[in-house]
Amino acid sequence: MTLGPRVVIIGNSGSGKSTLARQLESRVGGERTDLDHIHWLDRVGAKRDEEEAKERVAALAAKPNWIIEGVYGWLAEAAFPRATALIWLDMSPQVCRDSLAVRGPLRGATAEEHADFLGWAEDYWQRSTPTSFAGHQALFAQFPNAKIRFGDRTAVDDFLANLAGIGP
């Protein structure tokens, strides 16, 4: 499968989006962006204005090569008009939970903020927002170009080992 030069990766927190984006980065040859760095200002808990965040994503998506990854479906969707591929890391709650336990708090989060974040990540399958399982499922269904849904780490590893290439 050829992904093309502009890839969006979605999935729950702890699903492996950042890891996959790093693994694909050298092949795409463009800028890798974690949507956390656009959604949040200087630290988790201080949100950027949503319209400004969408404008930033659209500006990144105007570039010829990139990988954009994140849990924020409403923000990832801003890149869809130029995206050549969508990858959904649909990992189990246990995989996400284990990954988050290893990773620990991010970006200066306090213990309380981290506990809130873990609860939010755990609610991924119950929420009905664009930043949820249901939201990602809807984005995946509507995406018109190449798309892949992975349900376990072995499938991701196999995909990377057998990747036919990325390019126009």
Protein backbone atom coordinates (compact mmCIF):
# COMPACT_ATOMS: atom_id res chain seq x y z
CA MET A 1 0.00 0.00 0.00
CA THR A 2 1.21 3.50 -0.79
CA LEU A 3 0.29 6.11 1.79
CA GLY A 4 1.30 9.20 -0.09
CA PRO A 5 3.17 12.17 1.35
CA ARG A 6 0.54 13.50 3.80
CA VAL A 7 -0.54 11.15 6.57
CA VAL A 8 -2.95 11.68 9.48
CA ILE A 9 -2.73 9.27 12.44
CA ILE A 10 -5.58 9.13 14.97
CA GLY A 11 -6.23 7.00 18.04
CA ASN A 12 -6.66 7.11 21.79
CA SER A 13 -3.98 8.40 24.12
CA GLY A 14 -1.44 5.62 24.56
CA SER A 15 -2.31 3.89 21.28
CA GLY A 16 1.12 4.54 19.73
CA LYS A 17 0.44 7.51 17.46
CA SER A 18 3.65 9.39 18.28
CA THR A 19 5.76 6.26 17.97
CA LEU A 20 4.30 5.40 14.56
CA ALA A 21 4.67 9.01 13.40
CA ARG A 22 8.38 8.93 14.30
CA GLN A 23 8.79 5.63 12.46
CA LEU A 24 7.14 7.03 9.32
CA GLU A 25 8.81 10.45 9.46
CA SER A 26 11.98 9.59 7.56
CA ARG A 27 9.96 7.95 4.79
CA VAL A 28 7.57 10.85 4.32
CA GLY A 29 10.33 13.41 4.54
CA GLY A 30 8.12 16.14 5.93
CA GLU A 31 7.32 17.72 9.23
CA ARG A 32 5.88 15.54 12.02
CA THR A 33 3.32 17.31 14.20
CA ASP A 34 1.72 16.12 17.43
CA LEU A 35 -1.67 17.81 17.75
CA ASP A 36 -1.07 18.18 21.49
CA HIS A 37 1.39 20.95 20.58
CA ILE A 38 -1.34 22.77 18.68
CA HIS A 39 -4.31 22.09 20.97
CA TRP A 40 -2.51 23.11 24.17
CA LEU A 41 -0.68 26.37 24.77
CA ASP A 42 2.36 26.17 27.05
CA ARG A 43 1.13 23.21 29.09
CA VAL A 44 -1.67 20.66 29.33
CA GLY A 45 -4.76 22.34 30.75
CA ALA A 46 -4.30 25.66 28.92
CA LYS A 47 -6.15 25.25 25.62
CA ARG A 48 -5.56 27.25 22.46
CA ASP A 49 -8.58 28.86 20.79
CA GLU A 50 -10.17 26.14 18.62
CA GLU A 51 -10.42 28.25 15.47
CA GLU A 52 -6.79 29.30 15.80
CA ALA A 53 -5.81 25.64 16.31
CA LYS A 54 -7.71 24.59 13.16
CA GLU A 55 -6.03 27.38 11.18
CA ARG A 56 -2.61 26.16 12.35
CA VAL A 57 -3.41 22.61 11.23
CA ALA A 58 -4.71 23.82 7.86
CA ALA A 59 -1.48 25.81 7.35
CA LEU A 60 0.61 22.71 8.15
CA ALA A 61 -1.54 20.64 5.80
CA ALA A 62 -0.81 23.07 2.95
CA LYS A 63 2.80 21.84 2.93
CA PRO A 64 3.76 19.08 0.47
CA ASN A 65 4.91 16.41 2.98
CA TRP A 66 3.86 15.82 6.59
CA ILE A 67 2.61 13.50 9.28
CA ILE A 68 0.00 14.86 11.68
CA GLU A 69 -0.98 12.74 14.67
CA GLY A 70 -3.31 13.15 17.59
CA VAL A 71 -6.41 12.15 19.47
CA TYR A 72 -8.30 15.36 18.62
CA GLY A 73 -10.56 14.25 15.76
CA TRP A 74 -11.98 17.72 15.19
CA LEU A 75 -8.43 19.04 14.78
CA ALA A 76 -7.14 16.13 12.66
CA GLU A 77 -10.09 16.67 10.36
CA ALA A 78 -8.73 20.13 9.47
CA ALA A 79 -5.94 18.31 7.60
CA PHE A 80 -8.28 15.94 5.71
CA PRO A 81 -8.70 18.05 2.54
CA ARG A 82 -4.97 17.55 1.77
CA ALA A 83 -4.34 14.21 3.50
CA THR A 84 -3.39 11.28 1.27
CA ALA A 85 -3.81 8.65 4.00
CA LEU A 86 -5.43 8.08 7.38
CA ILE A 87 -4.19 5.57 9.94
CA TRP A 88 -6.40 4.74 12.93
CA LEU A 89 -4.65 3.03 15.83
CA ASP A 90 -7.66 1.31 17.37
CA MET A 91 -5.87 -0.33 20.28
CA SER A 92 -7.50 -2.06 23.25
CA PRO A 93 -8.06 -0.26 26.55
CA GLN A 94 -5.35 -2.42 28.14
CA VAL A 95 -2.75 -1.52 25.50
CA CYS A 96 -3.49 2.19 25.94
CA ARG A 97 -3.53 1.93 29.74
CA ASP A 98 -0.18 0.08 29.79
CA SER A 99 1.43 2.59 27.42
CA LEU A 100 0.26 5.54 29.49
CA ALA A 101 1.55 3.93 32.67
CA VAL A 102 5.01 3.59 31.12
CA ARG A 103 4.94 7.12 29.69
CA GLY A 104 3.88 8.94 32.85
CA PRO A 105 2.79 12.61 33.08
CA LEU A 106 3.49 14.86 30.13
CA ARG A 107 4.34 18.51 29.66
CA GLY A 108 4.57 19.50 33.29
CA ALA A 109 1.24 18.02 34.36
CA THR A 110 0.64 17.79 38.09
CA ALA A 111 -0.33 14.47 39.69
CA GLU A 112 -3.95 15.63 39.76
CA GLU A 113 -3.89 16.71 36.11
CA HIS A 114 -2.31 13.40 35.15
CA ALA A 115 -4.98 11.45 37.05
CA ASP A 116 -7.68 13.48 35.24
CA PHE A 117 -5.97 12.75 31.92
CA LEU A 118 -5.87 9.00 32.63
CA GLY A 119 -9.59 9.07 33.42
CA TRP A 120 -10.24 10.99 30.21
CA ALA A 121 -8.23 8.46 28.18
CA GLU A 122 -10.12 5.60 29.82
CA ASP A 123 -13.44 7.21 28.78
CA TYR A 124 -12.41 7.15 25.09
CA TRP A 125 -14.84 4.28 24.37
CA GLN A 126 -17.78 5.92 26.19
CA ARG A 127 -17.52 9.51 24.94
CA SER A 128 -19.38 10.54 21.80
CA THR A 129 -17.25 13.53 20.80
CA PRO A 130 -14.89 13.80 17.81
CA THR A 131 -12.14 12.87 20.30
CA SER A 132 -13.52 9.41 21.06
CA PHE A 133 -13.86 5.93 19.61
CA ALA A 134 -17.19 6.90 18.02
CA GLY A 135 -15.70 10.13 16.67
CA HIS A 136 -12.68 8.35 15.21
CA GLN A 137 -14.91 5.66 13.74
CA ALA A 138 -16.95 8.36 11.95
CA LEU A 139 -13.81 10.11 10.67
CA PHE A 140 -12.43 6.81 9.40
CA ALA A 141 -15.71 5.99 7.62
CA GLN A 142 -15.85 9.35 5.83
CA PHE A 143 -12.19 9.59 4.82
CA PRO A 144 -12.07 9.20 1.00
CA ASN A 145 -8.41 8.26 0.45
CA ALA A 146 -6.13 5.42 1.58
CA LYS A 147 -6.92 4.34 5.14
CA ILE A 148 -5.77 1.64 7.51
CA ARG A 149 -7.15 0.58 10.89
CA PHE A 150 -4.82 -1.29 13.21
CA GLY A 151 -6.07 -3.19 16.27
CA ASP A 152 -2.77 -4.42 17.71
CA ARG A 153 0.92 -3.59 17.80
CA THR A 154 1.92 -6.68 15.79
CA ALA A 155 -0.17 -5.46 12.85
CA VAL A 156 1.58 -2.07 12.99
CA ASP A 157 5.00 -3.76 13.11
CA ASP A 158 4.08 -5.99 10.16
CA PHE A 159 2.84 -2.98 8.21
CA LEU A 160 6.08 -1.09 8.78
CA ALA A 161 8.15 -4.13 7.82
CA ASN A 162 6.21 -4.55 4.57
CA LEU A 163 5.50 -0.95 3.68
CA ALA A 164 5.38 -0.65 -0.09
CA GLY A 165 6.48 2.96 0.04
CA ILE A 166 5.35 6.43 0.71
CA GLY A 167 5.30 8.98 -2.00
CA PRO A 168 3.19 10.69 -4.60
